[in-house]
Amino acid sequence: MLVCIGDVVEDVVIWTDAPLHHGTDNPGRIVRTRGGSAANVAVFAAASGAPTRFVGRVGDDALGRSLEEQLTVDGVEPRLQHLGRTGSIVVLVAPDGERTMFPDRAAAAELADVPADWLAGARVVHAPAYSLLDGPIGATTRELLTAARAAGALVSVDVSSVDLVRRVGAEAFADLLRAIAPDLLFANADEAAALGLGTSSALPGTTLVLKAGAGTAVVLAPDGTRHEVAPEPVAAVRDTTGAGDAFAAGYLSALLDGAAPPAAALAGHRLAARVLASPGARLA
């Protein structure tokens, strides 16, 4: 089973028809959908056939209950705390597919006192870096990852955001990763550069998976083995929201099925391609 720890929120996705004009109307399309990096990975992995559980917190409100129901419908086993106000993220998507995000995590960042049995049966436990830092969720997630490793599960972390690395500081962020010592670390080129990553020796014992969007993904094993895996062509890209999460989900799902790194990376590419034409983190 794959267990994902982190945020489940509402994404308010705004597709603009033209470059943004300040101080006036901007025609566009608005879609509300489930979001949150960890929840995205859980939903996408479930769509790939992997047994998946999501651990997080939503508000004690109608939106939180709706998001919980959506996770269940999507084949994910939700283990949620209900307290406070459910979070939302406004995602502004330009015509070229580039995103600008305005997160309000609200209750999601307050995850605490998680029962140990919420990790029962986990073979891989995944957390985006958002889950490791801000608010009570940071200490909670780090404790859960330690418990997961002690129980024999693999630990997976996604760097998630170059802005996050810069706000925390590259050295402090690297120290956190060294303390967690994940078995798998996902990062894009900007995130890896900000952390000074690029060789498997940067984090001993960690397999580094470098995502590259439409470019070639690189998997660097702890023993120095390097795999380069190019994606298959994608006809059109309208919204990249959730593509990195889909890549991680495809990779981890394939890993659970026993796939070698090249096949796992190809599975990640294929799943990521399915979100590029839909508003928000949704599979076409």
Protein backbone atom coordinates (compact mmCIF):
# COMPACT_ATOMS: atom_id res chain seq x y z
CA MET A 1 0.00 0.00 0.00
CA LEU A 2 1.03 3.58 -0.72
CA VAL A 3 0.31 6.08 2.07
CA CYS A 4 0.42 9.80 1.25
CA ILE A 5 0.64 12.41 4.02
CA GLY A 6 -0.25 16.05 3.45
CA ASP A 7 -2.82 18.47 2.10
CA VAL A 8 -6.21 17.93 0.55
CA VAL A 9 -7.76 21.26 -0.39
CA GLU A 10 -10.06 22.80 -2.96
CA ASP A 11 -8.32 24.09 -6.08
CA VAL A 12 -10.01 27.07 -7.70
CA VAL A 13 -8.49 26.93 -11.18
CA ILE A 14 -8.71 30.00 -13.40
CA TRP A 15 -7.86 29.56 -17.08
CA THR A 16 -7.17 32.97 -18.60
CA ASP A 17 -7.83 33.65 -22.28
CA ALA A 18 -5.07 36.24 -22.61
CA PRO A 19 -2.19 37.70 -20.60
CA LEU A 20 -3.36 39.16 -17.29
CA HIS A 21 -4.49 42.81 -17.33
CA HIS A 22 -4.33 44.47 -13.90
CA GLY A 23 -7.14 46.68 -12.67
CA THR A 24 -9.84 45.45 -15.04
CA ASP A 25 -11.83 42.38 -16.15
CA ASN A 26 -10.02 39.30 -17.43
CA PRO A 27 -12.22 36.77 -19.26
CA GLY A 28 -11.54 33.19 -18.28
CA ARG A 29 -12.87 29.80 -17.24
CA ILE A 30 -13.15 28.87 -13.55
CA VAL A 31 -13.17 25.25 -12.35
CA ARG A 32 -13.29 23.99 -8.76
CA THR A 33 -11.65 20.65 -8.09
CA ARG A 34 -9.84 18.63 -5.45
CA GLY A 35 -6.21 19.62 -4.96
CA GLY A 36 -3.24 19.36 -2.62
CA SER A 37 0.00 17.68 -3.70
CA ALA A 38 -0.24 14.63 -1.42
CA ALA A 39 -3.92 14.11 -2.27
CA ASN A 40 -3.09 14.38 -5.97
CA VAL A 41 -0.47 11.64 -5.68
CA ALA A 42 -2.91 9.43 -3.78
CA VAL A 43 -5.71 9.87 -6.33
CA PHE A 44 -3.43 9.37 -9.33
CA ALA A 45 -1.82 6.28 -7.78
CA ALA A 46 -5.26 4.82 -7.08
CA ALA A 47 -6.17 5.41 -10.73
CA SER A 48 -3.10 3.35 -11.62
CA GLY A 49 -4.43 0.47 -9.54
CA ALA A 50 -2.27 0.90 -6.43
CA PRO A 51 -3.90 0.41 -3.01
CA THR A 52 -3.68 3.93 -1.60
CA ARG A 53 -4.42 5.72 1.67
CA PHE A 54 -4.38 9.45 2.33
CA VAL A 55 -3.60 10.95 5.76
CA GLY A 56 -4.45 14.58 6.42
CA ARG A 57 -6.75 17.16 7.98
CA VAL A 58 -9.71 19.11 6.62
CA GLY A 59 -12.06 21.56 8.25
CA ASP A 60 -15.21 20.62 10.11
CA ASP A 61 -17.29 21.97 7.23
CA ALA A 62 -19.19 20.99 4.11
CA LEU A 63 -16.15 21.47 1.87
CA GLY A 64 -14.05 19.12 4.00
CA ARG A 65 -16.75 16.45 3.92
CA SER A 66 -17.08 16.86 0.16
CA LEU A 67 -13.33 16.41 -0.36
CA GLU A 68 -13.37 13.29 1.82
CA GLU A 69 -16.19 11.86 -0.28
CA GLN A 70 -14.29 12.66 -3.47
CA LEU A 71 -11.23 10.77 -2.22
CA THR A 72 -13.37 7.72 -1.51
CA VAL A 73 -15.03 7.89 -4.93
CA ASP A 74 -11.57 8.09 -6.51
CA GLY A 75 -10.53 4.84 -4.83
CA VAL A 76 -8.45 6.31 -2.00
CA GLU A 77 -8.87 5.26 1.63
CA PRO A 78 -9.11 8.59 3.52
CA ARG A 79 -7.90 8.93 7.09
CA LEU A 80 -8.84 12.51 7.91
CA GLN A 81 -9.06 14.71 10.96
CA HIS A 82 -11.88 17.30 10.90
CA LEU A 83 -11.19 20.59 12.64
CA GLY A 84 -11.30 24.27 11.73
CA ARG A 85 -11.59 25.49 8.12
CA THR A 86 -10.79 23.56 4.95
CA GLY A 87 -8.02 25.05 2.81
CA SER A 88 -8.17 26.31 -0.76
CA ILE A 89 -5.68 27.23 -3.47
CA VAL A 90 -6.36 29.66 -6.30
CA VAL A 91 -4.44 28.53 -9.40
CA LEU A 92 -4.09 31.10 -12.17
CA VAL A 93 -3.21 29.36 -15.45
CA ALA A 94 -1.88 31.42 -18.35
CA PRO A 95 -2.66 30.52 -21.99
CA ASP A 96 0.73 28.77 -22.28
CA GLY A 97 -0.12 26.50 -19.32
CA GLU A 98 2.16 28.19 -16.78
CA ARG A 99 0.71 28.47 -13.26
CA THR A 100 0.65 31.07 -10.51
CA MET A 101 -0.70 29.80 -7.18
CA PHE A 102 -2.20 31.44 -4.09
CA PRO A 103 -2.37 28.82 -1.32
CA ASP A 104 -4.41 29.04 1.89
CA ARG A 105 -3.74 25.68 3.57
CA ALA A 106 -5.89 26.38 6.65
CA ALA A 107 -6.68 23.11 8.50
CA ALA A 108 -4.32 21.05 6.34
CA ALA A 109 -1.26 22.58 8.00
CA GLU A 110 -2.58 21.69 11.47
CA LEU A 111 -2.34 17.89 11.19
CA ALA A 112 -1.27 16.49 14.58
CA ASP A 113 -1.58 13.45 16.87
CA VAL A 114 -2.03 10.92 14.07
CA PRO A 115 -2.82 7.38 15.30
CA ALA A 116 -0.01 4.94 14.54
CA ASP A 117 -2.38 2.51 12.84
CA TRP A 118 -3.04 5.03 10.05
CA LEU A 119 0.25 3.77 8.58
CA ALA A 120 -0.64 0.09 8.97
CA GLY A 121 0.23 -1.97 5.91
CA ALA A 122 2.24 0.76 4.22
CA ARG A 123 4.99 -0.37 1.84
CA VAL A 124 5.76 3.17 0.67
CA VAL A 125 5.01 6.40 2.56
CA HIS A 126 5.14 9.57 0.48
CA ALA A 127 5.18 13.20 1.58
CA PRO A 128 5.69 16.43 -0.36
CA ALA A 129 8.03 18.92 1.28
CA TYR A 130 5.00 21.09 2.08
CA SER A 131 4.15 18.42 4.66
CA LEU A 132 7.57 18.56 6.31
CA LEU A 133 7.87 22.20 7.25
CA ASP A 134 5.14 24.71 8.07
CA GLY A 135 2.87 24.34 11.09
CA PRO A 136 2.17 21.27 13.25
CA ILE A 137 2.02 19.08 10.13
CA GLY A 138 5.81 19.39 9.76
CA ALA A 139 6.71 17.72 13.06
CA THR A 140 3.85 15.23 12.64
CA THR A 141 4.96 14.12 9.19
CA ARG A 142 8.59 13.75 10.20
CA GLU A 143 7.52 11.53 13.10
CA LEU A 144 5.33 9.45 10.79
CA LEU A 145 8.16 8.96 8.29
CA THR A 146 10.44 7.78 11.09
CA ALA A 147 7.77 5.33 12.25
CA ALA A 148 7.19 4.14 8.69
CA ARG A 149 10.87 3.37 8.16
CA ALA A 150 11.03 1.52 11.49
CA ALA A 151 8.11 -0.60 10.29
CA GLY A 152 9.96 -1.48 7.09
CA ALA A 153 8.31 0.90 4.62
CA LEU A 154 10.18 2.91 1.99
CA VAL A 155 10.10 6.69 2.46
CA SER A 156 9.48 8.99 -0.49
CA VAL A 157 9.75 12.81 -0.49
CA ASP A 158 9.03 15.38 -3.21
CA VAL A 159 10.92 18.68 -2.95
CA SER A 160 7.72 20.26 -4.29
CA SER A 161 8.70 23.93 -4.74
CA VAL A 162 11.83 25.91 -5.48
CA ASP A 163 10.23 28.83 -3.63
CA LEU A 164 9.94 26.59 -0.58
CA VAL A 165 13.65 25.75 -0.78
CA ARG A 166 14.54 29.43 -1.02
CA ARG A 167 12.30 30.44 1.88
CA VAL A 168 13.68 27.74 4.17
CA GLY A 169 17.24 28.12 2.91
CA ALA A 170 19.07 25.55 0.83
CA GLU A 171 21.36 24.39 3.64
CA ALA A 172 18.54 24.05 6.18
CA PHE A 173 16.45 22.20 3.61
CA ALA A 174 19.34 19.88 2.80
CA ASP A 175 19.88 19.22 6.51
CA LEU A 176 16.22 18.24 6.79
CA LEU A 177 16.56 15.82 3.89
CA ARG A 178 19.71 14.30 5.39
CA ALA A 179 17.85 13.79 8.68
CA ILE A 180 14.92 12.10 6.95
CA ALA A 181 17.20 10.13 4.57
CA PRO A 182 14.41 9.29 2.10
CA ASP A 183 14.75 6.20 -0.03
CA LEU A 184 13.34 8.23 -2.95
CA LEU A 185 13.59 11.96 -3.59
CA PHE A 186 11.69 13.63 -6.44
CA ALA A 187 12.80 17.05 -7.68
CA ASN A 188 12.63 19.13 -10.85
CA ALA A 189 15.66 20.86 -12.34
CA ASP A 190 15.15 24.17 -10.51
CA GLU A 191 14.64 22.44 -7.15
CA ALA A 192 17.66 20.21 -7.64
CA ALA A 193 19.82 23.20 -8.62
CA ALA A 194 18.66 25.18 -5.59
CA LEU A 195 19.71 22.28 -3.36
CA GLY A 196 22.95 21.57 -5.19
CA LEU A 197 21.73 18.09 -6.18
CA GLY A 198 22.76 16.36 -9.35
CA THR A 199 24.65 13.26 -8.34
CA SER A 200 23.52 10.25 -6.34
CA SER A 201 26.26 10.89 -3.79
CA ALA A 202 24.59 14.14 -2.68
CA LEU A 203 22.26 12.13 -0.42
CA PRO A 204 23.81 8.74 0.35
CA GLY A 205 21.29 5.91 0.22
CA THR A 206 18.71 7.97 -1.69
CA THR A 207 17.51 7.36 -5.22
CA LEU A 208 17.18 10.80 -6.82
CA VAL A 209 14.44 11.13 -9.45
CA LEU A 210 14.89 14.30 -11.49
CA LYS A 211 11.66 15.33 -13.22
CA ALA A 212 11.96 17.45 -16.35
CA GLY A 213 8.43 18.11 -17.57
CA ALA A 214 8.47 17.45 -21.31
CA GLY A 215 12.18 16.66 -21.11
CA THR A 216 14.10 13.53 -20.18
CA ALA A 217 13.74 12.32 -16.59
CA VAL A 218 16.89 11.09 -14.87
CA VAL A 219 17.02 8.46 -12.13
CA LEU A 220 20.23 8.41 -10.08
CA ALA A 221 20.60 5.31 -7.89
CA PRO A 222 22.68 5.25 -4.68
CA ASP A 223 25.27 3.02 -6.39
CA GLY A 224 25.81 5.64 -9.11
CA THR A 225 23.69 3.93 -11.77
CA ARG A 226 22.07 6.51 -14.04
CA HIS A 227 18.92 6.01 -16.11
CA GLU A 228 17.61 8.58 -18.61
CA VAL A 229 13.98 8.16 -19.65
CA ALA A 230 12.37 10.40 -22.26
CA PRO A 231 8.59 10.93 -22.31
CA GLU A 232 6.38 10.01 -25.23
CA PRO A 233 5.14 12.98 -27.31
CA VAL A 234 2.12 14.91 -25.96
CA ALA A 235 -0.17 16.55 -28.49
CA ALA A 236 -1.20 19.63 -26.49
CA VAL A 237 -0.45 21.14 -23.09
CA ARG A 238 -3.00 23.49 -21.51
CA ASP A 239 -2.48 23.15 -17.75
CA THR A 240 0.55 21.68 -15.99
CA THR A 241 -1.14 21.67 -12.56
CA GLY A 242 -0.59 18.28 -10.93
CA ALA A 243 1.71 16.90 -13.64
CA GLY A 244 4.62 16.49 -11.23
CA ASP A 245 2.36 14.77 -8.72
CA ALA A 246 1.09 12.44 -11.45
CA PHE A 247 4.68 11.57 -12.39
CA ALA A 248 5.46 10.68 -8.77
CA ALA A 249 2.24 8.65 -8.52
CA GLY A 250 3.00 6.71 -11.68
CA TYR A 251 6.56 6.05 -10.56
CA LEU A 252 5.56 4.88 -7.08
CA SER A 253 2.70 2.73 -8.37
CA ALA A 254 5.05 0.99 -10.77
CA LEU A 255 7.61 0.58 -8.00
CA LEU A 256 4.99 -1.16 -5.85
CA ASP A 257 4.40 -3.54 -8.77
CA GLY A 258 8.10 -4.38 -8.84
CA ALA A 259 9.13 -2.25 -11.82
CA ALA A 260 12.76 -1.28 -12.37
CA PRO A 261 13.59 2.47 -12.36
CA PRO A 262 13.39 2.99 -16.18
CA ALA A 263 9.95 1.37 -16.35
CA ALA A 264 8.81 3.29 -13.27
CA ALA A 265 9.91 6.59 -14.83
CA LEU A 266 8.10 5.77 -18.06
CA ALA A 267 4.95 5.01 -16.06
CA GLY A 268 5.37 8.41 -14.40
CA HIS A 269 5.64 10.14 -17.77
CA ARG A 270 2.53 8.40 -19.08
CA LEU A 271 0.42 9.30 -16.08
CA ALA A 272 1.65 12.90 -16.09
CA ALA A 273 0.65 13.25 -19.75
CA ARG A 274 -2.96 12.55 -18.79
CA VAL A 275 -3.35 15.71 -16.70
CA LEU A 276 -1.98 18.22 -19.21
CA ALA A 277 -5.24 18.93 -21.04
CA SER A 278 -7.56 19.26 -18.03
CA PRO A 279 -8.12 22.16 -15.61
CA GLY A 280 -6.34 21.45 -12.34
CA ALA A 281 -4.98 18.14 -11.14
CA ARG A 282 -7.40 15.88 -13.00
CA LEU A 283 -6.80 12.92 -15.27
CA ALA A 284 -8.11 13.21 -18.80
